[in-house]
Protein backbone atom coordinates (compact mmCIF):
# COMPACT_ATOMS: atom_id res chain seq x y z
CA MET A 1 9.65 2.28 -3.00
CA GLN A 2 9.68 -0.79 -5.20
CA GLY A 3 7.57 -0.40 -8.29
CA GLU A 4 8.03 3.38 -8.25
CA GLN A 5 8.88 4.99 -11.55
CA SER A 6 9.83 8.53 -12.44
CA VAL A 7 7.66 10.33 -15.00
CA GLN A 8 9.64 10.99 -18.13
CA ALA A 9 8.61 13.61 -20.66
CA GLY A 10 6.34 11.97 -23.18
CA ALA A 11 6.42 8.64 -21.33
CA GLY A 12 2.71 8.63 -20.61
CA THR A 13 -0.37 10.77 -20.54
CA SER A 14 -2.92 11.45 -17.82
CA ARG A 15 -5.40 9.11 -19.52
CA ASP A 16 -2.87 6.25 -19.07
CA LEU A 17 -2.60 6.89 -15.34
CA LEU A 18 -5.25 6.11 -12.73
CA THR A 19 -5.92 7.75 -9.39
CA ALA A 20 -5.97 5.68 -6.20
CA ARG A 21 -9.77 5.92 -6.21
CA GLN A 22 -9.96 4.54 -9.75
CA VAL A 23 -7.66 1.66 -8.78
CA GLN A 24 -9.81 0.95 -5.71
CA ASP A 25 -12.88 0.71 -7.94
CA ARG A 26 -11.15 -1.70 -10.32
CA LEU A 27 -9.44 -3.95 -7.77
CA HIS A 28 -12.16 -3.72 -5.09
CA VAL A 29 -9.68 -3.07 -2.26
CA ASP A 30 -9.14 -0.10 0.04
CA ALA A 31 -6.54 2.66 -0.32
CA THR A 32 -4.27 1.10 2.32
CA THR A 33 -4.02 -2.05 0.23
CA ILE A 34 -3.39 -0.04 -2.95
CA TYR A 35 -0.38 1.75 -1.47
CA ARG A 36 0.90 -1.44 0.17
CA MET A 37 0.84 -3.19 -3.20
CA ALA A 38 2.75 -0.25 -4.71
CA ALA A 39 5.27 -0.37 -1.85
CA ASP A 40 6.04 -4.07 -2.27
CA GLY A 41 6.33 -3.81 -6.07
CA ARG A 42 3.17 -5.63 -7.14
CA LEU A 43 1.58 -2.45 -8.47
CA PRO A 44 3.64 0.06 -10.50
CA ALA A 45 3.27 3.67 -9.32
CA VAL A 46 4.49 7.07 -10.49
CA LYS A 47 4.42 10.46 -8.82
CA VAL A 48 2.78 13.32 -10.70
CA GLY A 49 3.49 16.47 -8.73
CA ARG A 50 2.57 15.55 -5.16
CA GLN A 51 0.05 12.87 -6.11
CA TRP A 52 0.57 9.18 -6.76
CA ARG A 53 -0.77 7.74 -10.00
CA PHE A 54 -0.93 4.16 -11.24
CA PRO A 55 -0.34 3.05 -14.86
CA ALA A 56 -3.53 1.53 -16.24
CA ASP A 57 -1.68 -1.30 -17.98
CA GLY A 58 -0.14 -2.36 -14.65
CA VAL A 59 -3.57 -2.46 -13.04
CA GLU A 60 -4.99 -4.48 -15.93
CA GLU A 61 -2.11 -6.93 -15.71
CA LEU A 62 -2.76 -7.36 -11.99
CA LEU A 63 -6.42 -8.02 -12.69
CA ALA A 64 -5.52 -10.61 -15.32
CA THR A 65 -3.34 -12.53 -12.84
CA GLY A 66 -5.96 -12.46 -10.09
CA GLY A 67 -4.03 -10.06 -7.88
CA HIS A 68 -7.28 -8.38 -6.86
CA THR A 69 -8.22 -11.37 -4.68
CA THR A 70 -5.76 -10.58 -1.91
CA THR A 71 -8.38 -9.61 0.64
CA GLN A 72 -10.81 -12.31 -0.45
CA ARG A 73 -8.75 -15.29 0.75
CA SER A 74 -9.40 -14.57 4.41
CA ALA A 75 -12.10 -16.25 6.46
CA LEU A 76 -13.08 -12.75 7.57
CA ASP A 77 -15.70 -10.80 5.63
CA PRO A 78 -14.34 -7.22 5.42
CA ALA A 79 -17.81 -5.60 5.65
CA PRO A 80 -18.78 -6.75 9.19
CA VAL A 81 -15.17 -6.35 10.34
CA GLN A 82 -15.22 -2.72 9.23
CA ALA A 83 -18.61 -2.15 10.86
CA VAL A 84 -17.36 -3.44 14.22
CA LEU A 85 -14.18 -1.36 14.11
CA ASP A 86 -16.03 1.78 13.04
CA VAL A 87 -18.10 1.53 16.22
CA ALA A 88 -15.42 0.33 18.64
CA ALA A 89 -12.55 2.65 17.66
CA PRO A 90 -14.20 6.03 18.44
CA MET A 91 -15.79 4.62 21.59
CA LEU A 92 -12.36 3.58 22.88
CA GLY A 93 -10.58 6.70 21.61
CA VAL A 94 -8.07 4.85 19.42
CA MET A 95 -7.61 4.02 15.77
CA MET A 96 -8.16 0.39 14.83
CA VAL A 97 -7.43 -1.89 11.89
CA ALA A 98 -7.85 -5.60 11.18
CA THR A 99 -5.18 -7.57 9.33
CA ASP A 100 -4.57 -11.13 8.27
CA MET A 101 -1.77 -13.19 9.80
CA HIS A 102 0.71 -11.75 7.31
CA GLY A 103 0.04 -8.21 8.48
CA GLN A 104 -1.95 -7.34 5.35
CA PRO A 105 -4.94 -5.07 6.12
CA LEU A 106 -8.43 -6.52 5.89
CA SER A 107 -10.10 -3.22 6.77
CA SER A 108 -9.49 0.48 6.46
CA VAL A 109 -8.11 2.26 9.50
CA ALA A 110 -11.08 3.21 11.68
CA ASN A 111 -10.99 6.51 13.59
CA PRO A 112 -7.47 7.48 12.42
CA CYS A 113 -5.57 9.86 14.67
CA PRO A 114 -4.60 13.21 13.09
CA TRP A 115 -0.97 12.09 12.70
CA PHE A 116 -2.01 9.06 10.64
CA ALA A 117 -4.75 10.89 8.73
CA GLU A 118 -2.14 13.34 7.40
CA ARG A 119 -0.04 10.42 6.13
CA ALA A 120 -2.77 8.03 5.01
CA ASP A 121 -1.81 8.42 1.33
CA ASP A 122 1.93 8.10 1.93
CA PRO A 123 3.10 4.70 0.62
CA ASP A 124 6.17 4.77 2.88
CA THR A 125 4.06 5.20 6.00
CA LEU A 126 1.70 2.42 4.93
CA ALA A 127 4.60 0.12 4.09
CA ALA A 128 6.12 0.78 7.53
CA CYS A 129 2.77 0.00 9.16
CA THR A 130 2.43 -3.25 7.21
CA GLN A 131 5.92 -4.32 8.24
CA GLU A 132 5.10 -3.53 11.86
CA TRP A 133 1.83 -5.47 11.67
CA ARG A 134 3.63 -8.46 10.17
CA ALA A 135 6.09 -8.48 13.09
CA MET A 136 3.22 -8.34 15.57
CA ALA A 137 1.60 -11.34 13.87
CA ASP A 138 4.79 -13.31 14.48
CA ASP A 139 4.73 -12.49 18.21
CA LEU A 140 2.44 -15.13 19.73
CA ASP A 141 1.96 -13.36 23.08
CA PHE A 142 -1.80 -13.67 23.51
CA SER A 143 -2.14 -11.06 26.28
CA PRO A 144 -3.07 -7.64 24.86
CA HIS A 145 -0.66 -4.93 25.95
CA PHE A 146 0.53 -1.62 24.59
CA GLN A 147 3.92 -1.53 22.90
CA ARG A 148 5.75 1.19 21.10
CA ALA A 149 5.74 0.94 17.32
CA GLU A 150 8.54 2.04 15.01
CA LEU A 151 6.51 5.08 13.96
CA GLY A 152 6.51 6.44 17.50
CA PHE A 153 3.03 5.68 18.79
CA GLU A 154 1.81 2.76 20.87
CA CYS A 155 -0.51 -0.02 19.81
CA ALA A 156 -2.00 -3.20 21.22
CA ARG A 157 -3.05 -6.37 19.44
CA VAL A 158 -5.38 -9.35 19.80
CA PHE A 159 -5.81 -12.33 17.52
CA ILE A 160 -8.94 -13.40 15.67
CA ARG A 161 -9.70 -17.11 15.49
CA SER A 162 -11.78 -19.35 13.28
CA GLY A 163 -12.13 -22.48 15.38
CA SER A 164 -8.59 -23.36 16.49
CA GLU A 165 -6.94 -21.44 13.66
CA LEU A 166 -5.58 -17.89 13.96
CA VAL A 167 -6.94 -16.01 10.96
CA GLY A 168 -6.22 -12.36 11.75
CA MET A 169 -5.56 -9.59 14.23
CA VAL A 170 -7.22 -6.46 15.56
CA LEU A 171 -4.82 -3.63 16.34
CA ALA A 172 -5.61 -0.57 18.42
CA GLY A 173 -3.08 2.21 17.95
CA GLY A 174 -2.34 5.86 17.38
CA VAL A 175 -1.80 6.20 21.15
CA ALA A 176 0.84 8.56 22.52
CA PRO A 177 3.36 6.91 24.85
CA GLU A 178 2.65 7.59 28.51
CA ASP A 179 4.03 10.89 29.83
CA GLU A 180 4.82 12.13 26.31
CA GLN A 181 3.08 15.11 24.73
CA ALA A 182 3.26 13.89 21.15
CA GLY A 183 1.20 15.90 18.67
CA GLY A 184 -1.44 14.31 16.50
CA LEU A 185 -1.82 11.17 18.62
CA TYR A 186 -4.51 10.04 21.04
CA HIS A 187 -3.64 10.70 24.67
CA LEU A 188 -5.21 8.19 27.05
CA GLU A 189 -5.37 8.28 30.82
CA PRO A 190 -4.32 5.09 32.63
CA HIS A 191 -7.94 3.98 33.13
CA GLU A 192 -8.63 4.63 29.43
CA ARG A 193 -5.68 2.48 28.42
CA ASP A 194 -6.99 -0.27 30.71
CA ALA A 195 -10.42 0.04 29.09
CA VAL A 196 -8.91 -0.48 25.63
CA LEU A 197 -7.04 -3.60 26.77
CA ALA A 198 -10.20 -4.95 28.41
CA ALA A 199 -12.31 -4.30 25.30
CA LEU A 200 -9.95 -5.81 22.73
CA PRO A 201 -10.69 -9.46 23.66
CA ARG A 202 -14.43 -8.74 23.32
CA VAL A 203 -13.90 -7.22 19.88
CA SER A 204 -11.80 -10.24 18.96
CA ALA A 205 -14.48 -12.63 20.24
CA ALA A 206 -17.16 -10.94 18.10
CA LEU A 207 -15.01 -11.14 14.97
CA SER A 208 -13.92 -14.70 15.77
CA LYS A 209 -17.56 -15.76 15.97
CA ALA A 210 -18.24 -14.08 12.63
CA ALA A 211 -15.26 -15.88 11.08
CA GLN A 212 -16.41 -19.20 12.50
CA ASP A 213 -19.98 -18.68 11.30
CA ALA A 214 -18.71 -17.83 7.82
CA THR A 215 -16.97 -21.21 7.55
CA THR A 216 -19.75 -23.32 9.12
CA PRO A 217 -22.09 -25.02 6.61
CA GLN A 218 -25.72 -24.01 7.16
CA THR A 219 -29.10 -25.45 6.29
CA LYS A 220 -31.63 -23.52 4.22
CA ASP A 221 -33.17 -22.00 7.36
CA GLY A 222 -29.79 -20.63 8.45
CA ALA A 223 -29.14 -23.16 11.22
CA PRO A 224 -25.72 -24.87 11.40
CA ALA A 225 -25.75 -28.07 9.39
CA ARG A 226 -25.29 -31.30 11.30
CA PRO A 227 -22.33 -33.40 10.25
CA THR A 228 -23.26 -36.47 8.22
CA SER A 229 -22.08 -39.90 9.27
């Protein structure tokens, strides 16, 4: 992992190292983003026993350069996105996440399957997921369909729009391939898989409307502002 350092005797103390939760509080991003930033080298990380820790000076340097704004450049407000996914994912029996068009997560993973939950703090797993999401963003097939990911489970994807611009994706995953008895994944019957594919465009439409509303100027009473001539 880029940015990873080994802990040398006397090289640092526990007060110099932050937990993932402490970094979340300082950078105002979720744990997935923290480990992704460690994986791509933007955030130094060390391993203390079986736990990852983050040098405080590296976090402060990132704050000073504005690195904490990664999730704030999107047209999508993470709070309503997370609320929608937290409802939709358990109803559909899948795990779901929203990303930008670079595959960077805009939400936490909603309703994670047991396989993913066990690896949620593993930077390598999160880096592999981010790479997979980035590849899916580059595939401009607009029809949602399940495909097998590098990590062994299946996922499906729809795009989120703001007007005519693609601003993000919703991914539904953690699904065991058909006719495979993979442990820790969600097993869906054919009609349940069809229900997920049918629901994804509706989830996308709701988030697309929210993204569009967020970029539309409004009057004081909340109505869309009329363009001036």
